[in-house]
C-alpha atoms as a PDB file:
ATOM      1  CA  UNK A   1     -40.450 -23.692 -11.976  1.00  0.00           C
ATOM      2  CA  UNK A   2     -37.627 -23.171  -9.625  1.00  0.00           C
ATOM      3  CA  UNK A   3     -35.199 -20.381 -10.576  1.00  0.00           C
ATOM      4  CA  UNK A   4     -31.755 -19.415  -9.313  1.00  0.00           C
ATOM      5  CA  UNK A   5     -30.479 -15.862  -9.774  1.00  0.00           C
ATOM      6  CA  UNK A   6     -26.683 -15.205  -9.639  1.00  0.00           C
ATOM      7  CA  UNK A   7     -26.250 -12.015  -7.585  1.00  0.00           C
ATOM      8  CA  UNK A   8     -23.834  -9.322  -8.563  1.00  0.00           C
ATOM      9  CA  UNK A   9     -22.648  -7.496  -5.425  1.00  0.00           C
ATOM     10  CA  UNK A  10     -19.787  -5.621  -3.699  1.00  0.00           C
ATOM     11  CA  UNK A  11     -19.743  -7.996  -0.781  1.00  0.00           C
ATOM     12  CA  UNK A  12     -21.890  -5.556   1.217  1.00  0.00           C
ATOM     13  CA  UNK A  13     -24.901  -4.711  -1.005  1.00  0.00           C
ATOM     14  CA  UNK A  14     -26.684  -5.984  -4.164  1.00  0.00           C
ATOM     15  CA  UNK A  15     -26.250  -4.244  -7.467  1.00  0.00           C
ATOM     16  CA  UNK A  16     -29.359  -2.778  -9.063  1.00  0.00           C
ATOM     17  CA  UNK A  17     -29.137  -4.977 -12.124  1.00  0.00           C
ATOM     18  CA  UNK A  18     -29.745  -7.982 -10.017  1.00  0.00           C
ATOM     19  CA  UNK A  19     -33.064  -6.533  -8.769  1.00  0.00           C
ATOM     20  CA  UNK A  20     -34.314  -6.579 -12.389  1.00  0.00           C
ATOM     21  CA  UNK A  21     -33.252 -10.214 -12.829  1.00  0.00           C
ATOM     22  CA  UNK A  22     -35.205 -11.132  -9.614  1.00  0.00           C
ATOM     23  CA  UNK A  23     -38.289  -9.548 -11.111  1.00  0.00           C
ATOM     24  CA  UNK A  24     -37.843 -11.565 -14.319  1.00  0.00           C
ATOM     25  CA  UNK A  25     -37.187 -14.764 -12.424  1.00  0.00           C
ATOM     26  CA  UNK A  26     -40.367 -14.215 -10.322  1.00  0.00           C
ATOM     27  CA  UNK A  27     -42.429 -14.437 -13.572  1.00  0.00           C
ATOM     28  CA  UNK A  28     -41.124 -17.913 -14.072  1.00  0.00           C
ATOM     29  CA  UNK A  29     -41.649 -19.269 -10.581  1.00  0.00           C
ATOM     30  CA  UNK A  30     -39.988 -19.540  -7.098  1.00  0.00           C
ATOM     31  CA  UNK A  31     -36.803 -17.494  -6.743  1.00  0.00           C
ATOM     32  CA  UNK A  32     -33.574 -18.397  -4.915  1.00  0.00           C
ATOM     33  CA  UNK A  33     -30.406 -16.211  -5.049  1.00  0.00           C
ATOM     34  CA  UNK A  34     -26.748 -17.208  -5.177  1.00  0.00           C
ATOM     35  CA  UNK A  35     -24.183 -14.944  -3.456  1.00  0.00           C
ATOM     36  CA  UNK A  36     -20.701 -16.019  -4.261  1.00  0.00           C
ATOM     37  CA  UNK A  37     -17.881 -13.907  -2.905  1.00  0.00           C
ATOM     38  CA  UNK A  38     -15.239 -13.481  -0.266  1.00  0.00           C
ATOM     39  CA  UNK A  39     -16.512 -11.932   3.061  1.00  0.00           C
ATOM     40  CA  UNK A  40     -19.937 -11.615   1.391  1.00  0.00           C
ATOM     41  CA  UNK A  41     -22.126 -12.194   4.450  1.00  0.00           C
ATOM     42  CA  UNK A  42     -23.383  -8.555   4.213  1.00  0.00           C
ATOM     43  CA  UNK A  43     -24.472  -8.999   0.570  1.00  0.00           C
ATOM     44  CA  UNK A  44     -26.213 -12.210   1.440  1.00  0.00           C
ATOM     45  CA  UNK A  45     -28.110 -10.535   4.263  1.00  0.00           C
ATOM     46  CA  UNK A  46     -29.100  -7.719   1.949  1.00  0.00           C
ATOM     47  CA  UNK A  47     -30.200 -10.229  -0.643  1.00  0.00           C
ATOM     48  CA  UNK A  48     -32.434 -12.021   1.765  1.00  0.00           C
ATOM     49  CA  UNK A  49     -34.432  -8.785   2.292  1.00  0.00           C
ATOM     50  CA  UNK A  50     -35.373  -8.627  -1.446  1.00  0.00           C
ATOM     51  CA  UNK A  51     -39.102  -9.130  -1.867  1.00  0.00           C
ATOM     52  CA  UNK A  52     -39.972 -12.457  -3.466  1.00  0.00           C
ATOM     53  CA  UNK A  53     -36.811 -14.352  -2.598  1.00  0.00           C
ATOM     54  CA  UNK A  54     -37.153 -17.736  -0.916  1.00  0.00           C
ATOM     55  CA  UNK A  55     -33.647 -18.410   0.206  1.00  0.00           C
ATOM     56  CA  UNK A  56     -30.173 -17.092  -0.464  1.00  0.00           C
ATOM     57  CA  UNK A  57     -27.384 -19.566  -1.075  1.00  0.00           C
ATOM     58  CA  UNK A  58     -24.032 -18.166   0.228  1.00  0.00           C
ATOM     59  CA  UNK A  59     -20.705 -19.526  -1.152  1.00  0.00           C
ATOM     60  CA  UNK A  60     -18.040 -17.696   0.758  1.00  0.00           C
ATOM     61  CA  UNK A  61     -14.484 -18.462  -0.459  1.00  0.00           C
ATOM     62  CA  UNK A  62     -11.441 -16.684  -1.656  1.00  0.00           C
ATOM     63  CA  UNK A  63     -11.869 -18.321  -5.083  1.00  0.00           C
ATOM     64  CA  UNK A  64     -14.986 -16.098  -5.648  1.00  0.00           C
ATOM     65  CA  UNK A  65     -13.501 -12.838  -4.378  1.00  0.00           C
ATOM     66  CA  UNK A  66     -13.241 -11.369  -7.870  1.00  0.00           C
ATOM     67  CA  UNK A  67     -16.101 -13.156  -9.550  1.00  0.00           C
ATOM     68  CA  UNK A  68     -13.783 -14.965 -11.953  1.00  0.00           C
ATOM     69  CA  UNK A  69     -16.072 -16.876 -14.352  1.00  0.00           C
ATOM     70  CA  UNK A  70     -13.746 -19.826 -14.412  1.00  0.00           C
ATOM     71  CA  UNK A  71     -14.338 -20.287 -10.640  1.00  0.00           C
ATOM     72  CA  UNK A  72     -17.953 -19.166 -10.379  1.00  0.00           C
ATOM     73  CA  UNK A  73     -19.340 -21.207 -13.313  1.00  0.00           C
ATOM     74  CA  UNK A  74     -18.511 -24.717 -11.765  1.00  0.00           C
ATOM     75  CA  UNK A  75     -20.263 -23.624  -8.573  1.00  0.00           C
ATOM     76  CA  UNK A  76     -23.406 -22.668 -10.412  1.00  0.00           C
ATOM     77  CA  UNK A  77     -23.454 -25.742 -12.549  1.00  0.00           C
ATOM     78  CA  UNK A  78     -23.318 -27.920  -9.446  1.00  0.00           C
ATOM     79  CA  UNK A  79     -26.308 -26.043  -7.921  1.00  0.00           C
ATOM     80  CA  UNK A  80     -28.212 -25.985 -11.218  1.00  0.00           C
ATOM     81  CA  UNK A  81     -29.299 -29.562 -10.786  1.00  0.00           C
ATOM     82  CA  UNK A  82     -32.098 -28.395  -8.318  1.00  0.00           C
ATOM     83  CA  UNK A  83     -33.291 -25.627 -10.613  1.00  0.00           C
ATOM     84  CA  UNK A  84     -35.165 -25.289 -13.904  1.00  0.00           C
ATOM     85  CA  UNK A  85     -33.656 -21.909 -14.825  1.00  0.00           C
ATOM     86  CA  UNK A  86     -30.529 -19.882 -13.911  1.00  0.00           C
ATOM     87  CA  UNK A  87     -30.739 -16.155 -14.568  1.00  0.00           C
ATOM     88  CA  UNK A  88     -27.999 -13.488 -14.674  1.00  0.00           C
ATOM     89  CA  UNK A  89     -28.152  -9.678 -15.082  1.00  0.00           C
ATOM     90  CA  UNK A  90     -26.824  -8.706 -18.444  1.00  0.00           C
ATOM     91  CA  UNK A  91     -23.933  -6.726 -17.043  1.00  0.00           C
ATOM     92  CA  UNK A  92     -20.297  -7.131 -18.010  1.00  0.00           C
ATOM     93  CA  UNK A  93     -19.706  -9.748 -15.236  1.00  0.00           C
ATOM     94  CA  UNK A  94     -23.005 -11.502 -15.787  1.00  0.00           C
ATOM     95  CA  UNK A  95     -22.306 -11.811 -19.510  1.00  0.00           C
ATOM     96  CA  UNK A  96     -18.891 -13.270 -18.677  1.00  0.00           C
ATOM     97  CA  UNK A  97     -20.212 -15.980 -16.338  1.00  0.00           C
ATOM     98  CA  UNK A  98     -23.449 -16.927 -18.053  1.00  0.00           C
ATOM     99  CA  UNK A  99     -21.955 -18.427 -21.402  1.00  0.00           C
ATOM    100  CA  UNK A 100     -19.561 -20.620 -19.515  1.00  0.00           C
ATOM    101  CA  UNK A 101     -22.430 -21.964 -17.395  1.00  0.00           C
ATOM    102  CA  UNK A 102     -24.556 -22.689 -20.529  1.00  0.00           C
ATOM    103  CA  UNK A 103     -21.631 -24.457 -22.195  1.00  0.00           C
ATOM    104  CA  UNK A 104     -20.970 -26.662 -19.184  1.00  0.00           C
ATOM    105  CA  UNK A 105     -24.720 -27.528 -19.036  1.00  0.00           C
ATOM    106  CA  UNK A 106     -24.726 -28.068 -22.835  1.00  0.00           C
ATOM    107  CA  UNK A 107     -27.607 -25.802 -23.353  1.00  0.00           C
ATOM    108  CA  UNK A 108     -28.309 -22.698 -25.442  1.00  0.00           C
ATOM    109  CA  UNK A 109     -28.116 -19.405 -23.638  1.00  0.00           C
ATOM    110  CA  UNK A 110     -31.017 -16.967 -24.092  1.00  0.00           C
ATOM    111  CA  UNK A 111     -29.533 -13.503 -23.990  1.00  0.00           C
ATOM    112  CA  UNK A 112     -30.701 -10.018 -22.981  1.00  0.00           C
ATOM    113  CA  UNK A 113     -34.415 -10.950 -22.526  1.00  0.00           C
ATOM    114  CA  UNK A 114     -36.942  -8.140 -22.542  1.00  0.00           C
ATOM    115  CA  UNK A 115     -39.995 -10.021 -21.336  1.00  0.00           C
ATOM    116  CA  UNK A 116     -41.240 -13.354 -20.146  1.00  0.00           C
ATOM    117  CA  UNK A 117     -43.999 -14.593 -22.417  1.00  0.00           C
ATOM    118  CA  UNK A 118     -44.270 -18.215 -21.076  1.00  0.00           C
ATOM    119  CA  UNK A 119     -42.403 -20.863 -19.053  1.00  0.00           C
ATOM    120  CA  UNK A 120     -39.841 -21.205 -21.928  1.00  0.00           C
ATOM    121  CA  UNK A 121     -40.802 -18.229 -24.105  1.00  0.00           C
ATOM    122  CA  UNK A 122     -39.154 -14.837 -24.052  1.00  0.00           C
ATOM    123  CA  UNK A 123     -38.603 -11.773 -26.236  1.00  0.00           C
ATOM    124  CA  UNK A 124     -35.139 -10.399 -26.968  1.00  0.00           C
ATOM    125  CA  UNK A 125     -33.739  -7.664 -29.297  1.00  0.00           C
ATOM    126  CA  UNK A 126     -32.004  -8.416 -32.511  1.00  0.00           C
ATOM    127  CA  UNK A 127     -30.508  -6.269 -35.300  1.00  0.00           C
ATOM    128  CA  UNK A 128     -29.304  -3.736 -32.700  1.00  0.00           C
ATOM    129  CA  UNK A 129     -32.764  -3.489 -31.285  1.00  0.00           C
ATOM    130  CA  UNK A 130     -34.541  -2.794 -34.542  1.00  0.00           C
ATOM    131  CA  UNK A 131     -36.507  -5.982 -34.247  1.00  0.00           C
ATOM    132  CA  UNK A 132     -37.752  -7.910 -31.293  1.00  0.00           C
ATOM    133  CA  UNK A 133     -37.532 -11.803 -31.535  1.00  0.00           C
ATOM    134  CA  UNK A 134     -39.787 -14.198 -29.647  1.00  0.00           C
ATOM    135  CA  UNK A 135     -37.840 -17.223 -28.776  1.00  0.00           C
ATOM    136  CA  UNK A 136     -38.864 -20.512 -27.221  1.00  0.00           C
ATOM    137  CA  UNK A 137     -36.308 -22.900 -25.671  1.00  0.00           C
ATOM    138  CA  UNK A 138     -36.471 -26.688 -25.964  1.00  0.00           C
ATOM    139  CA  UNK A 139     -33.678 -27.168 -23.462  1.00  0.00           C
ATOM    140  CA  UNK A 140     -34.402 -28.940 -20.144  1.00  0.00           C
ATOM    141  CA  UNK A 141     -32.652 -26.134 -18.184  1.00  0.00           C
ATOM    142  CA  UNK A 142     -32.622 -22.504 -19.097  1.00  0.00           C
ATOM    143  CA  UNK A 143     -29.662 -20.063 -18.896  1.00  0.00           C
ATOM    144  CA  UNK A 144     -30.775 -16.532 -19.293  1.00  0.00           C
ATOM    145  CA  UNK A 145     -29.389 -13.011 -19.174  1.00  0.00           C
ATOM    146  CA  UNK A 146     -31.821 -10.222 -18.268  1.00  0.00           C
ATOM    147  CA  UNK A 147     -31.708  -6.691 -19.653  1.00  0.00           C
ATOM    148  CA  UNK A 148     -31.773  -4.534 -16.511  1.00  0.00           C
ATOM    149  CA  UNK A 149     -33.753  -1.647 -18.076  1.00  0.00           C
ATOM    150  CA  UNK A 150     -36.582  -3.966 -19.313  1.00  0.00           C
ATOM    151  CA  UNK A 151     -37.894  -5.012 -15.835  1.00  0.00           C
ATOM    152  CA  UNK A 152     -38.844  -3.153 -12.700  1.00  0.00           C
ATOM    153  CA  UNK A 153     -36.428  -3.518  -9.859  1.00  0.00           C
ATOM    154  CA  UNK A 154     -37.494  -5.773  -7.065  1.00  0.00           C
ATOM    155  CA  UNK A 155     -38.042  -4.003  -3.617  1.00  0.00           C
ATOM    156  CA  UNK A 156     -34.897  -4.248  -1.463  1.00  0.00           C
ATOM    157  CA  UNK A 157     -36.797  -4.452   1.843  1.00  0.00           C
ATOM    158  CA  UNK A 158     -39.692  -6.374   3.174  1.00  0.00           C
ATOM    159  CA  UNK A 159     -38.514  -9.834   2.131  1.00  0.00           C
ATOM    160  CA  UNK A 160     -38.013 -12.752   4.502  1.00  0.00           C
ATOM    161  CA  UNK A 161     -35.535 -15.027   2.779  1.00  0.00           C
ATOM    162  CA  UNK A 162     -33.275 -17.381   4.631  1.00  0.00           C
ATOM    163  CA  UNK A 163     -29.436 -17.554   4.175  1.00  0.00           C
ATOM    164  CA  UNK A 164     -28.011 -21.070   3.633  1.00  0.00           C
ATOM    165  CA  UNK A 165     -24.277 -21.718   3.292  1.00  0.00           C
ATOM    166  CA  UNK A 166     -23.221 -23.952   0.414  1.00  0.00           C
ATOM    167  CA  UNK A 167     -19.920 -25.666  -0.281  1.00  0.00           C
ATOM    168  CA  UNK A 168     -17.415 -23.919  -2.462  1.00  0.00           C
ATOM    169  CA  UNK A 169     -15.922 -25.737  -5.491  1.00  0.00           C
ATOM    170  CA  UNK A 170     -12.640 -23.840  -4.951  1.00  0.00           C
ATOM    171  CA  UNK A 171     -10.164 -22.421  -7.475  1.00  0.00           C
ATOM    172  CA  UNK A 172     -10.390 -24.125 -10.854  1.00  0.00           C
ATOM    173  CA  UNK A 173      -6.832 -23.041 -11.599  1.00  0.00           C
ATOM    174  CA  UNK A 174      -7.696 -21.655 -15.065  1.00  0.00           C
ATOM    175  CA  UNK A 175      -7.336 -18.045 -14.338  1.00  0.00           C
ATOM    176  CA  UNK A 176      -6.054 -15.739 -11.639  1.00  0.00           C
ATOM    177  CA  UNK A 177      -6.733 -12.126 -10.668  1.00  0.00           C
ATOM    178  CA  UNK A 178      -3.855  -9.866 -11.392  1.00  0.00           C
ATOM    179  CA  UNK A 179      -5.175  -6.355 -10.608  1.00  0.00           C
ATOM    180  CA  UNK A 180      -7.742  -3.787 -11.419  1.00  0.00           C
ATOM    181  CA  UNK A 181      -7.491  -0.197 -12.539  1.00  0.00           C
ATOM    182  CA  UNK A 182     -10.804   1.366 -11.634  1.00  0.00           C
ATOM    183  CA  UNK A 183     -11.999   4.760 -12.942  1.00  0.00           C
ATOM    184  CA  UNK A 184     -13.272   6.912 -10.070  1.00  0.00           C
ATOM    185  CA  UNK A 185     -16.255   9.063 -10.888  1.00  0.00           C
ATOM    186  CA  UNK A 186     -18.058  11.399  -8.471  1.00  0.00           C
ATOM    187  CA  UNK A 187     -21.050  11.493 -10.711  1.00  0.00           C
ATOM    188  CA  UNK A 188     -23.885   8.925 -10.665  1.00  0.00           C
ATOM    189  CA  UNK A 189     -23.252   5.549 -12.238  1.00  0.00           C
ATOM    190  CA  UNK A 190     -24.518   5.534 -15.861  1.00  0.00           C
ATOM    191  CA  UNK A 191     -26.713   2.478 -15.577  1.00  0.00           C
ATOM    192  CA  UNK A 192     -28.555   3.705 -12.425  1.00  0.00           C
ATOM    193  CA  UNK A 193     -28.674   7.485 -13.010  1.00  0.00           C
ATOM    194  CA  UNK A 194     -32.036   9.177 -13.410  1.00  0.00           C
ATOM    195  CA  UNK A 195     -30.583  11.856 -15.673  1.00  0.00           C
ATOM    196  CA  UNK A 196     -27.853  11.421 -18.319  1.00  0.00           C
ATOM    197  CA  UNK A 197     -26.178  14.079 -20.478  1.00  0.00           C
ATOM    198  CA  UNK A 198     -24.350  12.440 -23.426  1.00  0.00           C
ATOM    199  CA  UNK A 199     -22.058  14.120 -25.976  1.00  0.00           C
ATOM    200  CA  UNK A 200     -20.990  13.015 -29.432  1.00  0.00           C
ATOM    201  CA  UNK A 201     -18.362  13.602 -31.942  1.00  0.00           C
ATOM    202  CA  UNK A 202     -19.594  17.174 -32.639  1.00  0.00           C
ATOM    203  CA  UNK A 203     -17.864  18.214 -29.382  1.00  0.00           C
ATOM    204  CA  UNK A 204     -14.568  18.332 -31.335  1.00  0.00           C
ATOM    205  CA  UNK A 205     -12.026  17.307 -28.588  1.00  0.00           C
ATOM    206  CA  UNK A 206     -11.736  16.214 -24.975  1.00  0.00           C
ATOM    207  CA  UNK A 207     -11.353  19.827 -23.644  1.00  0.00           C
ATOM    208  CA  UNK A 208     -14.436  21.004 -25.509  1.00  0.00           C
ATOM    209  CA  UNK A 209     -16.375  17.975 -24.380  1.00  0.00           C
ATOM    210  CA  UNK A 210     -15.517  18.685 -20.718  1.00  0.00           C
ATOM    211  CA  UNK A 211     -16.196  22.443 -20.941  1.00  0.00           C
ATOM    212  CA  UNK A 212     -19.533  21.922 -22.603  1.00  0.00           C
ATOM    213  CA  UNK A 213     -21.095  18.736 -21.158  1.00  0.00           C
ATOM    214  CA  UNK A 214     -19.764  18.619 -17.572  1.00  0.00           C
ATOM    215  CA  UNK A 215     -21.253  21.948 -16.413  1.00  0.00           C
ATOM    216  CA  UNK A 216     -24.751  20.944 -17.650  1.00  0.00           C
ATOM    217  CA  UNK A 217     -24.363  17.500 -15.963  1.00  0.00           C
ATOM    218  CA  UNK A 218     -23.311  19.229 -12.717  1.00  0.00           C
ATOM    219  CA  UNK A 219     -26.268  21.471 -12.723  1.00  0.00           C
ATOM    220  CA  UNK A 220     -28.607  18.575 -13.279  1.00  0.00           C
ATOM    221  CA  UNK A 221     -26.743  16.209 -10.914  1.00  0.00           C
ATOM    222  CA  UNK A 222     -26.582  13.920 -13.915  1.00  0.00           C
ATOM    223  CA  UNK A 223     -24.293  11.155 -15.165  1.00  0.00           C
ATOM    224  CA  UNK A 224     -22.216  11.787 -18.260  1.00  0.00           C
ATOM    225  CA  UNK A 225     -22.343   9.562 -21.234  1.00  0.00           C
ATOM    226  CA  UNK A 226     -20.886   9.610 -24.765  1.00  0.00           C
ATOM    227  CA  UNK A 227     -21.447   8.076 -28.216  1.00  0.00           C
ATOM    228  CA  UNK A 228     -18.905   5.523 -29.462  1.00  0.00           C
ATOM    229  CA  UNK A 229     -17.522   8.045 -31.852  1.00  0.00           C
ATOM    230  CA  UNK A 230     -16.689  10.408 -28.952  1.00  0.00           C
ATOM    231  CA  UNK A 231     -15.137   7.548 -27.013  1.00  0.00           C
ATOM    232  CA  UNK A 232     -13.059   6.344 -30.005  1.00  0.00           C
ATOM    233  CA  UNK A 233     -11.875   9.856 -30.529  1.00  0.00           C
ATOM    234  CA  UNK A 234     -10.510   9.960 -26.989  1.00  0.00           C
ATOM    235  CA  UNK A 235     -12.878  12.616 -25.628  1.00  0.00           C
ATOM    236  CA  UNK A 236     -13.798  10.501 -22.619  1.00  0.00           C
ATOM    237  CA  UNK A 237     -12.885   7.003 -21.233  1.00  0.00           C
ATOM    238  CA  UNK A 238     -14.769   3.977 -22.723  1.00  0.00           C
ATOM    239  CA  UNK A 239     -16.792   3.433 -19.485  1.00  0.00           C
ATOM    240  CA  UNK A 240     -18.796   6.513 -20.594  1.00  0.00           C
ATOM    241  CA  UNK A 241     -19.948   4.844 -23.702  1.00  0.00           C
ATOM    242  CA  UNK A 242     -23.726   4.375 -24.258  1.00  0.00           C
ATOM    243  CA  UNK A 243     -24.864   2.036 -27.054  1.00  0.00           C
ATOM    244  CA  UNK A 244     -24.947  -1.507 -28.432  1.00  0.00           C
ATOM    245  CA  UNK A 245     -21.253  -2.016 -27.620  1.00  0.00           C
ATOM    246  CA  UNK A 246     -21.378   0.226 -24.511  1.00  0.00           C
ATOM    247  CA  UNK A 247     -23.912   0.446 -21.682  1.00  0.00           C
ATOM    248  CA  UNK A 248     -27.666   0.039 -21.988  1.00  0.00           C
ATOM    249  CA  UNK A 249     -29.478   2.822 -20.089  1.00  0.00           C
ATOM    250  CA  UNK A 250     -32.999   3.953 -19.499  1.00  0.00           C
ATOM    251  CA  UNK A 251     -33.031   7.079 -17.325  1.00  0.00           C
ATOM    252  CA  UNK A 252     -35.889   9.374 -16.654  1.00  0.00           C
ATOM    253  CA  UNK A 253     -34.133  12.035 -18.837  1.00  0.00           C
ATOM    254  CA  UNK A 254     -31.603  11.476 -21.585  1.00  0.00           C
ATOM    255  CA  UNK A 255     -30.035  14.569 -23.128  1.00  0.00           C
ATOM    256  CA  UNK A 256     -28.192  13.848 -26.388  1.00  0.00           C
ATOM    257  CA  UNK A 257     -25.884  16.692 -27.329  1.00  0.00           C
ATOM    258  CA  UNK A 258     -24.284  16.597 -30.771  1.00  0.00           C
ATOM    259  CA  UNK A 259     -25.153  12.962 -31.301  1.00  0.00           C
ATOM    260  CA  UNK A 260     -26.581  12.119 -34.788  1.00  0.00           C
ATOM    261  CA  UNK A 261     -28.345   8.930 -33.552  1.00  0.00           C
ATOM    262  CA  UNK A 262     -26.611   6.046 -35.174  1.00  0.00           C
ATOM    263  CA  UNK A 263     -28.423   2.790 -34.816  1.00  0.00           C
ATOM    264  CA  UNK A 264     -25.793   1.426 -32.412  1.00  0.00           C
ATOM    265  CA  UNK A 265     -26.280   4.362 -30.099  1.00  0.00           C
ATOM    266  CA  UNK A 266     -30.081   4.311 -30.183  1.00  0.00           C
ATOM    267  CA  UNK A 267     -29.985   0.594 -29.166  1.00  0.00           C
ATOM    268  CA  UNK A 268     -28.485   1.753 -25.787  1.00  0.00           C
ATOM    269  CA  UNK A 269     -30.825   4.647 -24.877  1.00  0.00           C
ATOM    270  CA  UNK A 270     -34.024   4.601 -26.734  1.00  0.00           C
ATOM    271  CA  UNK A 271     -35.965   3.088 -23.779  1.00  0.00           C
ATOM    272  CA  UNK A 272     -35.281   6.382 -21.825  1.00  0.00           C
ATOM    273  CA  UNK A 273     -38.471   7.902 -20.498  1.00  0.00           C
ATOM    274  CA  UNK A 274     -37.786  11.414 -22.032  1.00  0.00           C
ATOM    275  CA  UNK A 275     -35.226  11.989 -24.720  1.00  0.00           C
ATOM    276  CA  UNK A 276     -33.897  15.571 -25.400  1.00  0.00           C
ATOM    277  CA  UNK A 277     -31.825  15.979 -28.522  1.00  0.00           C
ATOM    278  CA  UNK A 278     -29.653  19.026 -29.397  1.00  0.00           C
ATOM    279  CA  UNK A 279     -28.233  18.968 -32.879  1.00  0.00           C
ATOM    280  CA  UNK A 280     -27.746  21.445 -35.719  1.00  0.00           C
ATOM    281  CA  UNK A 281     -28.874  18.944 -38.397  1.00  0.00           C
ATOM    282  CA  UNK A 282     -32.738  18.908 -38.347  1.00  0.00           C
ATOM    283  CA  UNK A 283     -32.672  15.648 -40.355  1.00  0.00           C
ATOM    284  CA  UNK A 284     -30.418  13.784 -37.808  1.00  0.00           C
ATOM    285  CA  UNK A 285     -31.862  10.370 -36.865  1.00  0.00           C
ATOM    286  CA  UNK A 286     -31.837  11.154 -33.220  1.00  0.00           C
ATOM    287  CA  UNK A 287     -34.867  13.411 -33.735  1.00  0.00           C
ATOM    288  CA  UNK A 288     -36.925  10.306 -34.771  1.00  0.00           C
ATOM    289  CA  UNK A 289     -36.767   9.023 -31.208  1.00  0.00           C
ATOM    290  CA  UNK A 290     -36.616  12.339 -29.333  1.00  0.00           C
ATOM    291  CA  UNK A 291     -39.417  13.665 -27.309  1.00  0.00           C
ATOM    292  CA  UNK A 292     -37.973  17.143 -27.434  1.00  0.00           C
ATOM    293  CA  UNK A 293     -35.614  18.450 -30.089  1.00  0.00           C
ATOM    294  CA  UNK A 294     -33.596  21.672 -30.278  1.00  0.00           C
ATOM    295  CA  UNK A 295     -32.184  22.410 -33.691  1.00  0.00           C
ATOM    296  CA  UNK A 296     -29.212  24.718 -33.495  1.00  0.00           C
ATOM    297  CA  UNK A 297     -25.584  25.128 -32.552  1.00  0.00           C
ATOM    298  CA  UNK A 298     -24.856  23.159 -29.457  1.00  0.00           C
ATOM    299  CA  UNK A 299     -22.001  25.598 -28.482  1.00  0.00           C
ATOM    300  CA  UNK A 300     -24.671  28.244 -28.126  1.00  0.00           C
ATOM    301  CA  UNK A 301     -27.624  26.296 -26.811  1.00  0.00           C
ATOM    302  CA  UNK A 302     -25.877  24.213 -24.261  1.00  0.00           C
ATOM    303  CA  UNK A 303     -24.179  27.068 -22.351  1.00  0.00           C
ATOM    304  CA  UNK A 304     -27.443  29.068 -22.571  1.00  0.00           C
ATOM    305  CA  UNK A 305     -29.342  26.103 -21.099  1.00  0.00           C
ATOM    306  CA  UNK A 306     -26.766  25.625 -18.388  1.00  0.00           C
ATOM    307  CA  UNK A 307     -26.898  29.338 -17.411  1.00  0.00           C
ATOM    308  CA  UNK A 308     -30.625  29.143 -16.975  1.00  0.00           C
ATOM    309  CA  UNK A 309     -30.642  26.163 -14.604  1.00  0.00           C
END
């Protein structure tokens, strides 16, 4: 099989989620990459160094400067004729582009795959990750999104792919980029952090959350996460949210502070290598998935833990 992977990038480098998609694509067959952007030669050169990549298709045009799905999808559909499968990382942008591509190709999208079981057979989570479904496609072409935490990341150096320019399809005229308000965070990005400290509704308010969670995260050089309840209560911005409707993470260490362990939250972090839970309720569901559990008052335990680091 020939596979095409859409690359998520910042015009200079390739985002980590794409590397997992490359690993998944390699299990299906030969791998080519598509870099669509404006001034994206640096990203294309970086993509060519990824191990296992045959060639990198570079579509450099102002229409792709902000990865608008309405502009990127027709480009991918035009290129898809030469491929058996098109893969996307299951990120916010990837999940925006992929359904439009599937619709234009008139095929069913296979979402959030966890493993490749055969040429057209995959596993994916259902019921908030409580069950794993094995699905087999009967479509001539496959459109797939790949869960980044389920596959190893492909090596970013040692590859020998070539870069080939492809014609742009231009602006579809269906949407336009107005602006972006980006939250700046000096801590590691949630989806790529090795250590995450997350807080829940038990932190009471935004000020308490910051005074309790941030010092511990700073000591551990960790990213900060939160449950949906904490985000909905306004303790932290929504880009901190971990869970089924937030970000899917799998760090080396995940510390859940004052998080009961609702099914929606567990769906986003239960693949973490080591889970440490701090909660005063010994029957909290979080302890069912935790490797280490501390039962007690978080307002005592967390400052004590922070002071000892």
